Amino acid sequence: MARVRVGVNGFGTIGKRVALALEKQPDMELVGVVKRKPDYIAMLAAKKGFPIYSPTVKEAEAFEKAGFRVAGTLEDLLSRVDVVVDATPNGQGAENKKIYEKFGVKMVFQGGEKPGVAEASFSTLCNYEETVGRQSLRVVSCNTTALLRLICTLDKAFGVERVRAVIVRRAADPREVKKGPINAILLNPPRLPSHHAVDVKTVLPGLDIVTAAVVVPTTLMHLHHVTLKLKTAVKAVDVLEALKIAPRIIVVSSEETGIKSTAEIIEAARQFRPMNDVPELVIFEESVAVEGGEVMLFQAVHQESIVVPENVDAVRAVTGLAATTEDTLKITDKTLGLRKTLW
């Protein structure tokens, strides 16, 4: 099997997880990662044996002084790869694109970038086959990825006519202490719709969707309340059957497991999963209801890991390693250990 050479620029919350995921792929070779500072997160790359590159020679000197071996600069990495996954802070990817284009590499960006940074926004379950062979893709944000997994699953089964969603967002990732303590529920933004509906439409332009969002003082997960009007008359049991067989979705019963919160999902992940990660979308079974032709439910989103499988798939899409959605799902989900339960 041909192996595509991949580099990851940015080794933070998303970048380190993407690098760990790429390392497990039989058709990909992780050539190296770009890190700006020689901190405790860089120690993970060193211990895993990932070649560490710095953005420029200036940062390389700091790494060498801290005892890290540096394989080169970002430009050195770009000269050795076929694809770069950009996981740098929001907005930096657009600047980096100029360098990537100079080296002619394929590009995968994150949802923090504006849609125009890439040829298409990407969601595996919605538009994988349409994006095969593109030069650049943008994996949509964690909340948008979650919404699209749900929408495209139910659209395939029943047809989706309209979506309304309220997004309760975590205030920061667990390690982001710089944002400090928060004692408020913040409208994010006060106007409607929130940017999530706009982002969904970059993948599904014809969808009738409106979203509202608030930020709350938690770091663990996001929570969505979603209402969908389907094109087919259904019962709750029909929806649950479709969700339970769908890829990358876990349906958890609160009555059977006692899990009624995001905290309990993460506690289960601490016991059964590496890095506490839940890259699957988690839907609360008892919340699924059908009323007046509309389906309502609650779903939880682990913002640190949900986009990782999509990043792996995006690499396959731009390089043509897998021709169909089913082909990439089969490899990615097996290598990353995605499953239908939290344990």
Protein backbone atom coordinates (compact mmCIF):
# COMPACT_ATOMS: atom_id res chain seq x y z
CA MET A 1 0.00 0.00 0.00
CA ALA A 2 1.31 3.46 -0.91
CA ARG A 3 2.09 5.65 2.08
CA VAL A 4 1.51 9.40 1.98
CA ARG A 5 4.01 11.58 3.83
CA VAL A 6 2.27 13.97 6.25
CA GLY A 7 3.46 16.81 8.46
CA VAL A 8 1.52 18.52 11.25
CA ASN A 9 2.08 22.24 11.79
CA GLY A 10 0.99 23.00 15.36
CA PHE A 11 1.18 20.58 18.26
CA GLY A 12 -1.44 21.83 20.68
CA THR A 13 -4.86 20.46 21.61
CA ILE A 14 -5.79 19.33 18.09
CA GLY A 15 -2.38 18.97 16.49
CA LYS A 16 -1.00 16.49 19.00
CA ARG A 17 -4.10 14.30 18.68
CA VAL A 18 -3.99 14.42 14.89
CA ALA A 19 -0.32 13.45 14.93
CA LEU A 20 -1.01 10.50 17.22
CA ALA A 21 -3.86 9.44 14.91
CA LEU A 22 -1.78 9.76 11.73
CA GLU A 23 0.93 7.59 13.25
CA LYS A 24 -1.58 4.73 13.43
CA GLN A 25 -2.59 4.85 9.76
CA PRO A 26 -1.23 2.06 7.53
CA ASP A 27 -1.27 4.30 4.45
CA MET A 28 0.37 7.38 6.00
CA GLU A 29 3.81 8.31 7.32
CA LEU A 30 4.07 11.04 9.95
CA VAL A 31 7.23 12.86 8.87
CA GLY A 32 7.24 15.36 11.73
CA VAL A 33 5.48 18.04 13.76
CA VAL A 34 6.07 21.76 14.07
CA LYS A 35 6.20 23.17 17.61
CA ARG A 36 6.86 26.78 18.56
CA LYS A 37 7.97 26.39 22.19
CA PRO A 38 10.01 23.70 24.01
CA ASP A 39 7.37 23.14 26.69
CA TYR A 40 5.82 20.11 28.39
CA ILE A 41 3.68 19.39 25.32
CA ALA A 42 6.84 19.18 23.21
CA MET A 43 7.97 16.44 25.59
CA LEU A 44 5.13 14.27 24.25
CA ALA A 45 6.46 14.60 20.72
CA ALA A 46 9.97 13.79 21.91
CA LYS A 47 8.87 10.75 23.91
CA LYS A 48 6.80 9.46 20.97
CA GLY A 49 9.81 9.84 18.71
CA PHE A 50 8.13 12.38 16.43
CA PRO A 51 10.70 14.51 14.61
CA ILE A 52 10.30 18.07 15.90
CA TYR A 53 10.54 21.03 13.55
CA SER A 54 10.44 24.70 14.51
CA PRO A 55 8.75 27.52 12.59
CA THR A 56 12.10 29.27 12.00
CA VAL A 57 15.76 28.98 12.96
CA LYS A 58 15.17 31.40 15.84
CA GLU A 59 12.79 29.00 17.65
CA ALA A 60 15.12 26.09 16.89
CA GLU A 61 17.79 27.68 19.08
CA ALA A 62 15.41 27.69 22.07
CA PHE A 63 14.67 24.00 21.53
CA GLU A 64 18.35 23.12 21.36
CA LYS A 65 19.05 25.02 24.59
CA ALA A 66 16.22 23.09 26.29
CA GLY A 67 17.75 19.78 25.24
CA PHE A 68 15.47 18.95 22.30
CA ARG A 69 16.81 17.72 18.99
CA VAL A 70 15.36 19.73 16.11
CA ALA A 71 14.99 18.13 12.69
CA GLY A 72 14.74 21.44 10.87
CA THR A 73 12.37 24.32 10.21
CA LEU A 74 8.83 24.39 8.83
CA GLU A 75 10.20 24.86 5.33
CA ASP A 76 12.43 21.81 5.77
CA LEU A 77 9.36 19.78 6.77
CA LEU A 78 7.36 21.05 3.80
CA SER A 79 10.12 19.91 1.45
CA ARG A 80 9.69 16.35 2.78
CA VAL A 81 5.90 15.88 2.84
CA ASP A 82 2.98 15.43 0.46
CA VAL A 83 0.38 16.88 2.84
CA VAL A 84 0.47 19.36 5.70
CA VAL A 85 -2.20 19.44 8.39
CA ASP A 86 -2.35 22.96 9.80
CA ALA A 87 -3.36 22.96 13.48
CA THR A 88 -2.02 26.38 14.37
CA PRO A 89 -4.07 29.01 16.28
CA ASN A 90 -7.13 30.49 14.58
CA GLY A 91 -6.21 32.73 11.68
CA GLN A 92 -2.60 31.62 11.47
CA GLY A 93 -3.42 28.98 8.88
CA ALA A 94 -4.37 31.62 6.32
CA GLU A 95 -0.91 33.16 6.72
CA ASN A 96 0.78 29.77 6.56
CA LYS A 97 -1.03 28.96 3.32
CA LYS A 98 1.34 31.23 1.41
CA ILE A 99 4.29 29.09 2.50
CA TYR A 100 2.45 25.82 1.79
CA GLU A 101 1.59 26.92 -1.73
CA LYS A 102 5.24 27.72 -2.41
CA PHE A 103 6.08 24.06 -1.75
CA GLY A 104 3.07 22.69 -3.67
CA VAL A 105 1.85 20.47 -0.83
CA LYS A 106 -1.74 19.39 -0.23
CA MET A 107 -3.33 21.23 2.71
CA VAL A 108 -5.77 20.42 5.52
CA PHE A 109 -6.91 23.33 7.69
CA GLN A 110 -9.04 23.53 10.84
CA GLY A 111 -12.45 25.09 11.49
CA GLY A 112 -10.95 28.13 13.19
CA GLU A 113 -9.96 29.38 9.75
CA LYS A 114 -12.41 31.18 7.49
CA PRO A 115 -14.02 28.97 4.83
CA GLY A 116 -12.16 30.73 2.01
CA VAL A 117 -8.82 29.35 3.23
CA ALA A 118 -9.50 26.08 1.39
CA GLU A 119 -11.24 24.83 -1.73
CA ALA A 120 -13.99 23.20 0.34
CA SER A 121 -15.20 22.70 3.89
CA PHE A 122 -15.10 19.05 4.87
CA SER A 123 -17.22 16.58 6.84
CA THR A 124 -16.64 12.88 6.22
CA LEU A 125 -20.25 11.69 6.48
CA CYS A 126 -21.54 14.53 4.31
CA ASN A 127 -19.18 15.23 1.44
CA TYR A 128 -16.13 12.97 1.45
CA GLU A 129 -16.50 11.77 -2.13
CA GLU A 130 -17.10 15.29 -3.45
CA THR A 131 -13.76 16.44 -2.02
CA VAL A 132 -11.47 13.64 -3.23
CA GLY A 133 -8.49 15.07 -5.11
CA ARG A 134 -8.84 18.67 -3.91
CA GLN A 135 -5.67 20.63 -3.20
CA SER A 136 -6.94 21.95 0.14
CA LEU A 137 -9.71 21.20 2.63
CA ARG A 138 -10.95 22.81 5.81
CA VAL A 139 -12.19 20.41 8.48
CA VAL A 140 -15.09 22.26 10.07
CA SER A 141 -15.12 23.09 13.78
CA CYS A 142 -15.98 20.69 16.59
CA ASN A 143 -19.56 21.94 16.96
CA THR A 144 -20.12 21.98 13.21
CA THR A 145 -18.65 18.49 12.86
CA ALA A 146 -21.08 17.26 15.51
CA LEU A 147 -24.09 18.90 13.88
CA LEU A 148 -23.15 17.56 10.46
CA ARG A 149 -22.67 13.99 11.71
CA LEU A 150 -26.19 14.08 13.12
CA ILE A 151 -27.78 15.88 10.18
CA CYS A 152 -26.21 13.76 7.45
CA THR A 153 -26.97 10.53 9.32
CA LEU A 154 -30.65 11.40 9.64
CA ASP A 155 -30.82 12.91 6.16
CA LYS A 156 -29.57 9.66 4.68
CA ALA A 157 -32.15 7.69 6.64
CA PHE A 158 -35.20 9.96 6.49
CA GLY A 159 -34.40 13.26 4.79
CA VAL A 160 -33.89 16.46 6.79
CA GLU A 161 -35.99 19.51 5.97
CA ARG A 162 -35.09 21.95 8.75
CA VAL A 163 -32.73 22.21 11.73
CA ARG A 164 -32.85 24.41 14.82
CA ALA A 165 -30.14 24.05 17.45
CA VAL A 166 -29.08 25.65 20.72
CA ILE A 167 -25.38 25.17 21.43
CA VAL A 168 -24.13 25.34 25.01
CA ARG A 169 -20.41 25.86 24.59
CA ARG A 170 -17.58 25.12 26.98
CA ALA A 171 -15.74 28.30 27.88
CA ALA A 172 -12.23 26.96 27.24
CA ASP A 173 -10.28 23.75 26.83
CA PRO A 174 -9.09 22.25 30.14
CA ARG A 175 -5.51 23.54 29.84
CA GLU A 176 -6.42 27.12 28.88
CA VAL A 177 -5.93 28.74 32.28
CA LYS A 178 -5.15 32.09 30.67
CA LYS A 179 -8.88 32.66 30.21
CA GLY A 180 -9.37 32.56 33.96
CA PRO A 181 -12.45 31.83 36.07
CA ILE A 182 -15.83 32.70 34.59
CA ASN A 183 -19.06 33.51 36.41
CA ALA A 184 -21.57 34.11 33.64
CA ILE A 185 -23.60 32.60 30.85
CA LEU A 186 -22.43 34.53 27.83
CA LEU A 187 -24.50 34.98 24.66
CA ASN A 188 -22.16 33.87 21.90
CA PRO A 189 -23.18 35.95 19.99
CA PRO A 190 -26.29 37.94 21.06
CA ARG A 191 -27.59 37.95 17.48
CA LEU A 192 -29.03 35.01 15.56
CA PRO A 193 -27.94 32.85 13.94
CA SER A 194 -24.63 31.96 15.55
CA HIS A 195 -21.75 31.20 13.19
CA HIS A 196 -22.41 27.46 13.49
CA ALA A 197 -25.37 27.59 11.10
CA VAL A 198 -23.29 29.55 8.62
CA ASP A 199 -20.52 26.97 8.94
CA VAL A 200 -22.90 24.04 8.40
CA LYS A 201 -24.01 25.71 5.18
CA THR A 202 -20.45 25.68 3.86
CA VAL A 203 -20.97 21.90 3.59
CA LEU A 204 -24.76 21.77 3.09
CA PRO A 205 -25.56 25.08 1.35
CA GLY A 206 -29.25 24.36 0.80
CA LEU A 207 -30.11 23.41 4.38
CA ASP A 208 -32.63 25.46 6.38
CA ILE A 209 -30.76 25.80 9.68
CA VAL A 210 -30.65 28.33 12.50
CA THR A 211 -28.39 28.04 15.54
CA ALA A 212 -28.03 29.96 18.78
CA ALA A 213 -25.10 29.63 21.16
CA VAL A 214 -24.11 30.46 24.73
CA VAL A 215 -20.85 29.96 26.61
CA VAL A 216 -20.93 28.48 30.12
CA PRO A 217 -18.21 28.01 32.78
CA THR A 218 -17.12 24.47 31.98
CA THR A 219 -14.13 23.03 30.10
CA LEU A 220 -15.20 19.43 29.50
CA MET A 221 -17.58 19.30 26.54
CA HIS A 222 -20.16 21.18 24.51
CA LEU A 223 -23.85 20.28 24.72
CA HIS A 224 -26.40 20.77 21.91
CA HIS A 225 -30.17 20.69 21.92
CA VAL A 226 -31.19 19.98 18.34
CA THR A 227 -34.63 20.00 16.71
CA LEU A 228 -34.95 18.55 13.22
CA LYS A 229 -37.96 18.45 10.94
CA LEU A 230 -37.68 15.32 8.82
CA LYS A 231 -39.14 14.64 5.40
CA THR A 232 -40.45 11.25 6.56
CA ALA A 233 -42.87 10.59 9.40
CA VAL A 234 -40.99 8.73 12.12
CA LYS A 235 -41.22 7.57 15.70
CA ALA A 236 -38.50 7.99 18.29
CA VAL A 237 -37.61 4.32 17.99
CA ASP A 238 -36.96 4.78 14.25
CA VAL A 239 -34.55 7.63 14.92
CA LEU A 240 -32.76 5.69 17.63
CA GLU A 241 -32.33 2.67 15.36
CA ALA A 242 -30.70 4.87 12.71
CA LEU A 243 -28.40 6.52 15.24
CA LYS A 244 -27.36 3.27 16.87
CA ILE A 245 -26.02 1.82 13.62
CA ALA A 246 -24.47 5.05 12.32
CA PRO A 247 -20.67 5.46 12.33
CA ARG A 248 -19.04 7.82 14.84
CA ILE A 249 -22.14 8.16 17.01
CA ILE A 250 -22.68 6.69 20.48
CA VAL A 251 -26.18 6.49 21.94
CA VAL A 252 -25.95 6.38 25.73
CA SER A 253 -28.87 5.45 27.97
CA SER A 254 -29.03 7.52 31.14
CA GLU A 255 -31.35 5.00 32.75
CA GLU A 256 -29.00 2.08 32.13
CA THR A 257 -25.65 3.80 32.77
CA GLY A 258 -26.47 6.66 35.15
CA ILE A 259 -24.79 9.08 32.72
CA LYS A 260 -26.77 12.31 32.67
CA SER A 261 -24.05 14.91 32.20
CA THR A 262 -20.91 15.81 30.32
CA ALA A 263 -18.91 15.29 33.51
CA GLU A 264 -19.98 11.66 33.69
CA ILE A 265 -19.11 11.10 30.02
CA ILE A 266 -15.60 12.37 30.65
CA GLU A 267 -15.33 10.33 33.86
CA ALA A 268 -16.18 7.21 31.85
CA ALA A 269 -13.58 8.24 29.28
CA ARG A 270 -10.97 8.61 32.04
CA GLN A 271 -11.50 4.99 32.96
CA PHE A 272 -11.72 3.42 29.53
CA ARG A 273 -10.06 5.68 26.93
CA PRO A 274 -6.60 7.16 26.25
CA MET A 275 -6.31 10.90 26.95
CA ASN A 276 -9.98 10.91 28.08
CA ASP A 277 -10.93 11.33 24.42
CA VAL A 278 -14.40 10.76 22.97
CA PRO A 279 -14.12 11.38 19.22
CA GLU A 280 -17.61 9.96 18.72
CA LEU A 281 -20.70 12.15 18.99
CA VAL A 282 -22.63 11.19 22.15
CA ILE A 283 -26.44 11.28 22.04
CA PHE A 284 -28.55 10.87 25.17
CA GLU A 285 -31.04 8.12 24.35
CA GLU A 286 -33.88 9.25 26.61
CA SER A 287 -33.74 12.77 25.16
CA VAL A 288 -34.73 11.58 21.69
CA ALA A 289 -38.36 12.54 21.20
CA VAL A 290 -40.73 13.09 18.29
CA GLU A 291 -43.42 15.73 18.65
CA GLY A 292 -45.50 17.38 15.94
CA GLY A 293 -43.36 15.94 13.17
CA GLU A 294 -40.12 17.17 14.74
CA VAL A 295 -37.28 15.20 16.30
CA MET A 296 -35.63 16.63 19.41
CA LEU A 297 -32.53 15.42 21.23
CA PHE A 298 -29.51 16.34 23.34
CA GLN A 299 -25.99 15.55 22.16
CA ALA A 300 -22.58 16.03 23.76
CA VAL A 301 -19.42 17.00 21.91
CA HIS A 302 -15.85 16.43 23.10
CA GLN A 303 -14.23 19.47 21.53
CA GLU A 304 -10.67 18.22 21.96
CA SER A 305 -11.06 15.07 19.88
CA ILE A 306 -14.21 14.99 17.73
CA VAL A 307 -12.49 16.44 14.63
CA VAL A 308 -9.51 14.07 14.76
CA PRO A 309 -11.08 11.29 12.62
CA GLU A 310 -12.18 13.88 10.08
CA ASN A 311 -8.61 15.21 9.82
CA VAL A 312 -7.35 11.72 9.00
CA ASP A 313 -10.10 11.32 6.40
CA ALA A 314 -9.30 14.73 4.92
CA VAL A 315 -5.72 13.58 4.30
CA ARG A 316 -7.11 10.58 2.43
CA ALA A 317 -9.46 12.80 0.47
CA VAL A 318 -6.86 15.28 -0.79
CA THR A 319 -4.44 12.48 -1.72
CA GLY A 320 -7.05 10.09 -3.11
CA LEU A 321 -5.92 7.27 -0.81
CA ALA A 322 -9.56 6.22 -0.37
CA ALA A 323 -12.18 6.67 -3.07
CA THR A 324 -15.31 6.33 -0.95
CA THR A 325 -16.65 7.32 2.44
CA GLU A 326 -16.95 3.68 3.43
CA ASP A 327 -13.31 3.01 2.53
CA THR A 328 -11.91 5.75 4.75
CA LEU A 329 -14.34 5.04 7.61
CA LYS A 330 -13.26 1.42 7.67
CA ILE A 331 -9.59 2.28 8.11
CA THR A 332 -9.83 5.36 10.33
CA ASP A 333 -12.41 4.02 12.75
CA LYS A 334 -10.57 0.73 13.22
CA THR A 335 -7.14 2.28 13.76
CA LEU A 336 -8.48 4.91 16.18
CA GLY A 337 -10.64 2.42 18.09
CA LEU A 338 -13.93 4.21 17.49
CA ARG A 339 -16.84 2.22 18.86
CA LYS A 340 -20.49 2.26 19.85
CA THR A 341 -20.01 2.50 23.63
CA LEU A 342 -17.94 4.67 25.93
CA TRP A 343 -16.10 1.61 27.22
